[in-house]
Amino acid sequence: MRGGECSVRAGLGTLRDLKRKLERLRELRPDLLRGEVIPVIHTSLATPELVEEAAREGVWVLGATEDVVRPPVGRGEGRDPPGSSG
């Protein structure tokens, strides 16, 4: 399952909000989270602080045209997500 945030300019606040919402979902509706959960932030501009922290915490950061931070996914490190053409 992928859960995420979308923001034009994303910084550490966006990452904190995503983590808080994911934790709340785990508390209230654990039945919606099956298998591996991949937190994702989609943004036009990722701050350097976000990029650094997201890489450390395994959060996927997508830019408008490329993956800014792509953590290992599943057992195949760096594999393409389901449904992608890569």
PDB file of N, CA and C in Angstrom:
ATOM      1  N   MET A   1       0.845  -1.176   0.000  1.00  0.00           N
ATOM      2  CA  MET A   1       0.000   0.000   0.000  1.00  0.00           C
ATOM      3  C   MET A   1       0.881   1.226   0.000  1.00  0.00           C
ATOM      4  N   ARG A   2       0.477   2.210  -0.751  1.00  0.00           N
ATOM      5  CA  ARG A   2       1.177   3.484  -0.750  1.00  0.00           C
ATOM      6  C   ARG A   2       0.277   4.515  -0.090  1.00  0.00           C
ATOM      7  N   GLY A   3       0.873   5.307   0.807  1.00  0.00           N
ATOM      8  CA  GLY A   3       0.148   6.402   1.426  1.00  0.00           C
ATOM      9  C   GLY A   3       0.991   7.637   1.264  1.00  0.00           C
ATOM     10  N   GLY A   4       0.375   8.779   0.983  1.00  0.00           N
ATOM     11  CA  GLY A   4       1.249   9.895   0.713  1.00  0.00           C
ATOM     12  C   GLY A   4       0.666  11.266   0.892  1.00  0.00           C
ATOM     13  N   GLU A   5       1.528  12.226   0.627  1.00  0.00           N
ATOM     14  CA  GLU A   5       1.239  13.648   0.672  1.00  0.00           C
ATOM     15  C   GLU A   5       1.613  14.240  -0.669  1.00  0.00           C
ATOM     16  N   CYS A   6       0.927  15.311  -1.041  1.00  0.00           N
ATOM     17  CA  CYS A   6       1.245  16.035  -2.260  1.00  0.00           C
ATOM     18  C   CYS A   6       1.387  17.503  -1.894  1.00  0.00           C
ATOM     19  N   SER A   7       2.476  18.120  -2.327  1.00  0.00           N
ATOM     20  CA  SER A   7       2.741  19.501  -1.979  1.00  0.00           C
ATOM     21  C   SER A   7       3.582  20.138  -3.071  1.00  0.00           C
ATOM     22  N   VAL A   8       3.368  21.439  -3.353  1.00  0.00           N
ATOM     23  CA  VAL A   8       4.192  22.142  -4.331  1.00  0.00           C
ATOM     24  C   VAL A   8       5.609  22.273  -3.802  1.00  0.00           C
ATOM     25  N   ARG A   9       5.751  22.718  -2.555  1.00  0.00           N
ATOM     26  CA  ARG A   9       7.061  22.829  -1.921  1.00  0.00           C
ATOM     27  C   ARG A   9       7.007  22.008  -0.637  1.00  0.00           C
ATOM     28  N   ALA A  10       7.798  20.972  -0.571  1.00  0.00           N
ATOM     29  CA  ALA A  10       7.750  20.062   0.577  1.00  0.00           C
ATOM     30  C   ALA A  10       9.022  20.176   1.404  1.00  0.00           C
ATOM     31  N   GLY A  11       8.835  20.286   2.698  1.00  0.00           N
ATOM     32  CA  GLY A  11       9.948  20.344   3.636  1.00  0.00           C
ATOM     33  C   GLY A  11       9.723  19.351   4.757  1.00  0.00           C
ATOM     34  N   LEU A  12      10.423  19.561   5.858  1.00  0.00           N
ATOM     35  CA  LEU A  12      10.314  18.638   6.990  1.00  0.00           C
ATOM     36  C   LEU A  12       8.902  18.610   7.571  1.00  0.00           C
ATOM     37  N   GLY A  13       8.170  19.722   7.494  1.00  0.00           N
ATOM     38  CA  GLY A  13       6.788  19.741   7.984  1.00  0.00           C
ATOM     39  C   GLY A  13       5.903  18.766   7.220  1.00  0.00           C
ATOM     40  N   THR A  14       6.124  18.666   5.925  1.00  0.00           N
ATOM     41  CA  THR A  14       5.357  17.719   5.103  1.00  0.00           C
ATOM     42  C   THR A  14       5.648  16.290   5.535  1.00  0.00           C
ATOM     43  N   LEU A  15       6.914  16.008   5.801  1.00  0.00           N
ATOM     44  CA  LEU A  15       7.303  14.670   6.255  1.00  0.00           C
ATOM     45  C   LEU A  15       6.683  14.371   7.614  1.00  0.00           C
ATOM     46  N   ARG A  16       6.731  15.325   8.526  1.00  0.00           N
ATOM     47  CA  ARG A  16       6.125  15.125   9.854  1.00  0.00           C
ATOM     48  C   ARG A  16       4.623  14.872   9.729  1.00  0.00           C
ATOM     49  N   ASP A  17       3.934  15.657   8.871  1.00  0.00           N
ATOM     50  CA  ASP A  17       2.496  15.468   8.679  1.00  0.00           C
ATOM     51  C   ASP A  17       2.183  14.077   8.141  1.00  0.00           C
ATOM     52  N   LEU A  18       2.957  13.631   7.167  1.00  0.00           N
ATOM     53  CA  LEU A  18       2.751  12.301   6.587  1.00  0.00           C
ATOM     54  C   LEU A  18       2.923  11.221   7.647  1.00  0.00           C
ATOM     55  N   LYS A  19       3.986  11.310   8.444  1.00  0.00           N
ATOM     56  CA  LYS A  19       4.236  10.311   9.486  1.00  0.00           C
ATOM     57  C   LYS A  19       3.123  10.314  10.530  1.00  0.00           C
ATOM     58  N   ARG A  20       2.641  11.509  10.908  1.00  0.00           N
ATOM     59  CA  ARG A  20       1.566  11.626  11.889  1.00  0.00           C
ATOM     60  C   ARG A  20       0.274  10.995  11.352  1.00  0.00           C
ATOM     61  N   LYS A  21      -0.055  11.280  10.097  1.00  0.00           N
ATOM     62  CA  LYS A  21      -1.273  10.721   9.495  1.00  0.00           C
ATOM     63  C   LYS A  21      -1.183   9.207   9.344  1.00  0.00           C
ATOM     64  N   LEU A  22      -0.016   8.711   8.984  1.00  0.00           N
ATOM     65  CA  LEU A  22       0.169   7.267   8.847  1.00  0.00           C
ATOM     66  C   LEU A  22       0.031   6.574  10.202  1.00  0.00           C
ATOM     67  N   GLU A  23       0.597   7.169  11.250  1.00  0.00           N
ATOM     68  CA  GLU A  23       0.479   6.588  12.586  1.00  0.00           C
ATOM     69  C   GLU A  23      -0.981   6.587  13.039  1.00  0.00           C
ATOM     70  N   ARG A  24      -1.683   7.652  12.755  1.00  0.00           N
ATOM     71  CA  ARG A  24      -3.101   7.739  13.112  1.00  0.00           C
ATOM     72  C   ARG A  24      -3.914   6.667  12.377  1.00  0.00           C
ATOM     73  N   LEU A  25      -3.607   6.473  11.104  1.00  0.00           N
ATOM     74  CA  LEU A  25      -4.274   5.429  10.335  1.00  0.00           C
ATOM     75  C   LEU A  25      -3.984   4.053  10.923  1.00  0.00           C
ATOM     76  N   ARG A  26      -2.754   3.827  11.334  1.00  0.00           N
ATOM     77  CA  ARG A  26      -2.394   2.528  11.956  1.00  0.00           C
ATOM     78  C   ARG A  26      -3.193   2.296  13.230  1.00  0.00           C
ATOM     79  N   GLU A  27      -3.433   3.375  13.983  1.00  0.00           N
ATOM     80  CA  GLU A  27      -4.193   3.261  15.231  1.00  0.00           C
ATOM     81  C   GLU A  27      -5.683   3.027  14.972  1.00  0.00           C
ATOM     82  N   LEU A  28      -6.260   3.797  14.047  1.00  0.00           N
ATOM     83  CA  LEU A  28      -7.706   3.768  13.843  1.00  0.00           C
ATOM     84  C   LEU A  28      -8.187   2.705  12.870  1.00  0.00           C
ATOM     85  N   ARG A  29      -7.419   2.441  11.825  1.00  0.00           N
ATOM     86  CA  ARG A  29      -7.860   1.516  10.781  1.00  0.00           C
ATOM     87  C   ARG A  29      -6.732   0.583  10.324  1.00  0.00           C
ATOM     88  N   PRO A  30      -6.182  -0.216  11.214  1.00  0.00           N
ATOM     89  CA  PRO A  30      -5.102  -1.118  10.809  1.00  0.00           C
ATOM     90  C   PRO A  30      -5.525  -2.106   9.733  1.00  0.00           C
ATOM     91  N   ASP A  31      -6.836  -2.332   9.595  1.00  0.00           N
ATOM     92  CA  ASP A  31      -7.347  -3.248   8.574  1.00  0.00           C
ATOM     93  C   ASP A  31      -7.086  -2.723   7.154  1.00  0.00           C
ATOM     94  N   LEU A  32      -6.848  -1.418   7.010  1.00  0.00           N
ATOM     95  CA  LEU A  32      -6.580  -0.842   5.686  1.00  0.00           C
ATOM     96  C   LEU A  32      -5.119  -0.991   5.265  1.00  0.00           C
ATOM     97  N   LEU A  33      -4.276  -1.343   6.207  1.00  0.00           N
ATOM     98  CA  LEU A  33      -2.837  -1.454   5.923  1.00  0.00           C
ATOM     99  C   LEU A  33      -2.443  -2.920   5.873  1.00  0.00           C
ATOM    100  N   ARG A  34      -2.226  -3.412   4.671  1.00  0.00           N
ATOM    101  CA  ARG A  34      -1.831  -4.808   4.503  1.00  0.00           C
ATOM    102  C   ARG A  34      -0.489  -4.854   3.797  1.00  0.00           C
ATOM    103  N   GLY A  35       0.376  -5.734   4.218  1.00  0.00           N
ATOM    104  CA  GLY A  35       1.673  -5.876   3.570  1.00  0.00           C
ATOM    105  C   GLY A  35       2.561  -4.679   3.851  1.00  0.00           C
ATOM    106  N   GLU A  36       3.423  -4.412   2.913  1.00  0.00           N
ATOM    107  CA  GLU A  36       4.395  -3.332   3.060  1.00  0.00           C
ATOM    108  C   GLU A  36       3.746  -1.973   2.793  1.00  0.00           C
ATOM    109  N   VAL A  37       3.964  -1.029   3.685  1.00  0.00           N
ATOM    110  CA  VAL A  37       3.462   0.337   3.517  1.00  0.00           C
ATOM    111  C   VAL A  37       4.622   1.200   3.040  1.00  0.00           C
ATOM    112  N   ILE A  38       4.423   1.900   1.937  1.00  0.00           N
ATOM    113  CA  ILE A  38       5.466   2.748   1.363  1.00  0.00           C
ATOM    114  C   ILE A  38       5.000   4.197   1.455  1.00  0.00           C
ATOM    115  N   PRO A  39       5.533   4.964   2.403  1.00  0.00           N
ATOM    116  CA  PRO A  39       5.146   6.370   2.478  1.00  0.00           C
ATOM    117  C   PRO A  39       5.731   7.145   1.293  1.00  0.00           C
ATOM    118  N   VAL A  40       4.903   8.021   0.691  1.00  0.00           N
ATOM    119  CA  VAL A  40       5.302   8.745  -0.516  1.00  0.00           C
ATOM    120  C   VAL A  40       4.954  10.225  -0.376  1.00  0.00           C
ATOM    121  N   ILE A  41       5.866  11.082  -0.783  1.00  0.00           N
ATOM    122  CA  ILE A  41       5.606  12.518  -0.886  1.00  0.00           C
ATOM    123  C   ILE A  41       5.836  12.899  -2.339  1.00  0.00           C
ATOM    124  N   HIS A  42       4.826  13.529  -2.964  1.00  0.00           N
ATOM    125  CA  HIS A  42       4.949  14.002  -4.340  1.00  0.00           C
ATOM    126  C   HIS A  42       5.007  15.520  -4.298  1.00  0.00           C
ATOM    127  N   THR A  43       6.048  16.101  -4.884  1.00  0.00           N
ATOM    128  CA  THR A  43       6.248  17.539  -4.788  1.00  0.00           C
ATOM    129  C   THR A  43       6.943  18.095  -6.024  1.00  0.00           C
ATOM    130  N   SER A  44       6.735  19.369  -6.272  1.00  0.00           N
ATOM    131  CA  SER A  44       7.477  20.042  -7.342  1.00  0.00           C
ATOM    132  C   SER A  44       8.865  20.434  -6.851  1.00  0.00           C
ATOM    133  N   LEU A  45       8.965  20.794  -5.565  1.00  0.00           N
ATOM    134  CA  LEU A  45      10.244  21.223  -5.004  1.00  0.00           C
ATOM    135  C   LEU A  45      10.450  20.606  -3.634  1.00  0.00           C
ATOM    136  N   ALA A  46      11.431  19.737  -3.513  1.00  0.00           N
ATOM    137  CA  ALA A  46      11.774  19.120  -2.233  1.00  0.00           C
ATOM    138  C   ALA A  46      12.957  19.875  -1.640  1.00  0.00           C
ATOM    139  N   THR A  47      12.816  20.310  -0.386  1.00  0.00           N
ATOM    140  CA  THR A  47      13.925  20.999   0.263  1.00  0.00           C
ATOM    141  C   THR A  47      15.056  20.015   0.523  1.00  0.00           C
ATOM    142  N   PRO A  48      16.291  20.497   0.603  1.00  0.00           N
ATOM    143  CA  PRO A  48      17.420  19.598   0.896  1.00  0.00           C
ATOM    144  C   PRO A  48      17.240  18.851   2.218  1.00  0.00           C
ATOM    145  N   GLU A  49      16.630  19.514   3.206  1.00  0.00           N
ATOM    146  CA  GLU A  49      16.393  18.867   4.504  1.00  0.00           C
ATOM    147  C   GLU A  49      15.425  17.701   4.360  1.00  0.00           C
ATOM    148  N   LEU A  50      14.398  17.888   3.545  1.00  0.00           N
ATOM    149  CA  LEU A  50      13.446  16.801   3.306  1.00  0.00           C
ATOM    150  C   LEU A  50      14.129  15.629   2.619  1.00  0.00           C
ATOM    151  N   VAL A  51      14.915  15.917   1.604  1.00  0.00           N
ATOM    152  CA  VAL A  51      15.603  14.855   0.860  1.00  0.00           C
ATOM    153  C   VAL A  51      16.479  14.032   1.801  1.00  0.00           C
ATOM    154  N   GLU A  52      17.227  14.715   2.653  1.00  0.00           N
ATOM    155  CA  GLU A  52      18.126  14.028   3.590  1.00  0.00           C
ATOM    156  C   GLU A  52      17.357  13.165   4.578  1.00  0.00           C
ATOM    157  N   GLU A  53      16.326  13.737   5.193  1.00  0.00           N
ATOM    158  CA  GLU A  53      15.554  12.997   6.194  1.00  0.00           C
ATOM    159  C   GLU A  53      14.739  11.864   5.573  1.00  0.00           C
ATOM    160  N   ALA A  54      14.168  12.107   4.406  1.00  0.00           N
ATOM    161  CA  ALA A  54      13.383  11.064   3.732  1.00  0.00           C
ATOM    162  C   ALA A  54      14.260   9.872   3.376  1.00  0.00           C
ATOM    163  N   ALA A  55      15.464  10.135   2.922  1.00  0.00           N
ATOM    164  CA  ALA A  55      16.388   9.051   2.596  1.00  0.00           C
ATOM    165  C   ALA A  55      16.705   8.230   3.853  1.00  0.00           C
ATOM    166  N   ARG A  56      16.875   8.918   4.964  1.00  0.00           N
ATOM    167  CA  ARG A  56      17.181   8.234   6.225  1.00  0.00           C
ATOM    168  C   ARG A  56      16.009   7.389   6.706  1.00  0.00           C
ATOM    169  N   GLU A  57      14.784   7.878   6.474  1.00  0.00           N
ATOM    170  CA  GLU A  57      13.596   7.210   7.007  1.00  0.00           C
ATOM    171  C   GLU A  57      12.890   6.298   6.003  1.00  0.00           C
ATOM    172  N   GLY A  58      13.407   6.205   4.789  1.00  0.00           N
ATOM    173  CA  GLY A  58      12.807   5.303   3.806  1.00  0.00           C
ATOM    174  C   GLY A  58      11.513   5.810   3.204  1.00  0.00           C
ATOM    175  N   VAL A  59      11.367   7.134   3.100  1.00  0.00           N
ATOM    176  CA  VAL A  59      10.176   7.734   2.493  1.00  0.00           C
ATOM    177  C   VAL A  59      10.496   8.058   1.044  1.00  0.00           C
ATOM    178  N   TRP A  60       9.599   7.673   0.148  1.00  0.00           N
ATOM    179  CA  TRP A  60       9.780   7.910  -1.278  1.00  0.00           C
ATOM    180  C   TRP A  60       9.387   9.345  -1.583  1.00  0.00           C
ATOM    181  N   VAL A  61      10.280  10.111  -2.205  1.00  0.00           N
ATOM    182  CA  VAL A  61       9.977  11.483  -2.603  1.00  0.00           C
ATOM    183  C   VAL A  61      10.003  11.544  -4.124  1.00  0.00           C
ATOM    184  N   LEU A  62       8.854  11.907  -4.690  1.00  0.00           N
ATOM    185  CA  LEU A  62       8.725  12.005  -6.139  1.00  0.00           C
ATOM    186  C   LEU A  62       8.679  13.470  -6.545  1.00  0.00           C
ATOM    187  N   GLY A  63       9.496  13.824  -7.527  1.00  0.00           N
ATOM    188  CA  GLY A  63       9.440  15.156  -8.095  1.00  0.00           C
ATOM    189  C   GLY A  63       8.550  15.146  -9.321  1.00  0.00           C
ATOM    190  N   ALA A  64       8.458  16.284  -9.983  1.00  0.00           N
ATOM    191  CA  ALA A  64       7.603  16.390 -11.165  1.00  0.00           C
ATOM    192  C   ALA A  64       8.080  15.485 -12.294  1.00  0.00           C
ATOM    193  N   THR A  65       9.382  15.277 -12.413  1.00  0.00           N
ATOM    194  CA  THR A  65       9.906  14.510 -13.544  1.00  0.00           C
ATOM    195  C   THR A  65      10.790  13.341 -13.146  1.00  0.00           C
ATOM    196  N   GLU A  66      11.053  13.167 -11.855  1.00  0.00           N
ATOM    197  CA  GLU A  66      11.964  12.096 -11.441  1.00  0.00           C
ATOM    198  C   GLU A  66      11.754  11.737  -9.975  1.00  0.00           C
ATOM    199  N   ASP A  67      12.299  10.593  -9.576  1.00  0.00           N
ATOM    200  CA  ASP A  67      12.341  10.218  -8.169  1.00  0.00           C
ATOM    201  C   ASP A  67      13.457  11.027  -7.525  1.00  0.00           C
ATOM    202  N   VAL A  68      13.136  11.777  -6.478  1.00  0.00           N
ATOM    203  CA  VAL A  68      14.150  12.527  -5.749  1.00  0.00           C
ATOM    204  C   VAL A  68      14.821  11.606  -4.750  1.00  0.00           C
ATOM    205  N   VAL A  69      14.019  10.845  -4.013  1.00  0.00           N
ATOM    206  CA  VAL A  69      14.513   9.820  -3.088  1.00  0.00           C
ATOM    207  C   VAL A  69      13.732   8.560  -3.395  1.00  0.00           C
ATOM    208  N   ARG A  70      14.427   7.486  -3.697  1.00  0.00           N
ATOM    209  CA  ARG A  70      13.765   6.214  -3.976  1.00  0.00           C
ATOM    210  C   ARG A  70      14.336   5.160  -3.040  1.00  0.00           C
ATOM    211  N   PRO A  71      13.609   4.852  -1.967  1.00  0.00           N
ATOM    212  CA  PRO A  71      14.096   3.858  -1.015  1.00  0.00           C
ATOM    213  C   PRO A  71      13.952   2.448  -1.572  1.00  0.00           C
ATOM    214  N   PRO A  72      14.641   1.493  -0.959  1.00  0.00           N
ATOM    215  CA  PRO A  72      14.430   0.095  -1.354  1.00  0.00           C
ATOM    216  C   PRO A  72      12.961  -0.262  -1.167  1.00  0.00           C
ATOM    217  N   VAL A  73      12.412  -0.987  -2.125  1.00  0.00           N
ATOM    218  CA  VAL A  73      11.009  -1.372  -2.084  1.00  0.00           C
ATOM    219  C   VAL A  73      10.927  -2.882  -2.074  1.00  0.00           C
ATOM    220  N   GLY A  74      10.211  -3.418  -1.084  1.00  0.00           N
ATOM    221  CA  GLY A  74      10.054  -4.868  -1.015  1.00  0.00           C
ATOM    222  C   GLY A  74      11.399  -5.564  -0.892  1.00  0.00           C
ATOM    223  N   ARG A  75      11.488  -6.744  -1.482  1.00  0.00           N
ATOM    224  CA  ARG A  75      12.730  -7.509  -1.406  1.00  0.00           C
ATOM    225  C   ARG A  75      13.728  -7.119  -2.480  1.00  0.00           C
ATOM    226  N   GLY A  76      13.231  -6.524  -3.574  1.00  0.00           N
ATOM    227  CA  GLY A  76      14.115  -6.131  -4.661  1.00  0.00           C
ATOM    228  C   GLY A  76      14.497  -4.669  -4.510  1.00  0.00           C
ATOM    229  N   GLU A  77      15.677  -4.405  -4.002  1.00  0.00           N
ATOM    230  CA  GLU A  77      16.091  -3.030  -3.729  1.00  0.00           C
ATOM    231  C   GLU A  77      15.989  -2.175  -4.981  1.00  0.00           C
ATOM    232  N   GLY A  78      15.269  -1.052  -4.861  1.00  0.00           N
ATOM    233  CA  GLY A  78      15.172  -0.104  -5.945  1.00  0.00           C
ATOM    234  C   GLY A  78      14.361  -0.581  -7.134  1.00  0.00           C
ATOM    235  N   ARG A  79      13.560  -1.637  -6.958  1.00  0.00           N
ATOM    236  CA  ARG A  79      12.793  -2.139  -8.102  1.00  0.00           C
ATOM    237  C   ARG A  79      11.698  -1.156  -8.468  1.00  0.00           C
ATOM    238  N   ASP A  80      11.189  -1.277  -9.689  1.00  0.00           N
ATOM    239  CA  ASP A  80      10.133  -0.396 -10.148  1.00  0.00           C
ATOM    240  C   ASP A  80       8.833  -0.751  -9.440  1.00  0.00           C
ATOM    241  N   PRO A  81       8.000   0.269  -9.123  1.00  0.00           N
ATOM    242  CA  PRO A  81       6.742  -0.007  -8.459  1.00  0.00           C
ATOM    243  C   PRO A  81       5.769  -0.723  -9.382  1.00  0.00           C
ATOM    244  N   PRO A  82       4.805  -1.444  -8.804  1.00  0.00           N
ATOM    245  CA  PRO A  82       3.808  -2.145  -9.618  1.00  0.00           C
ATOM    246  C   PRO A  82       3.119  -1.154 -10.550  1.00  0.00           C
ATOM    247  N   GLY A  83       2.893  -1.572 -11.808  1.00  0.00           N
ATOM    248  CA  GLY A  83       2.198  -0.736 -12.759  1.00  0.00           C
ATOM    249  C   GLY A  83       3.070   0.233 -13.511  1.00  0.00           C
ATOM    250  N   SER A  84       4.361   0.298 -13.153  1.00  0.00           N
ATOM    251  CA  SER A  84       5.246   1.217 -13.877  1.00  0.00           C
ATOM    252  C   SER A  84       5.778   0.524 -15.123  1.00  0.00           C
ATOM    253  N   SER A  85       6.248   1.318 -16.052  1.00  0.00           N
ATOM    254  CA  SER A  85       6.746   0.743 -17.298  1.00  0.00           C
ATOM    255  C   SER A  85       8.249   0.549 -17.256  1.00  0.00           C
ATOM    256  N   GLY A  86       8.914   0.903 -16.155  1.00  0.00           N
ATOM    257  CA  GLY A  86      10.373   0.824 -16.060  1.00  0.00           C
ATOM    258  C   GLY A  86      10.768  -0.465 -15.546  1.00  0.00           C
TER     259      GLY A  86
END
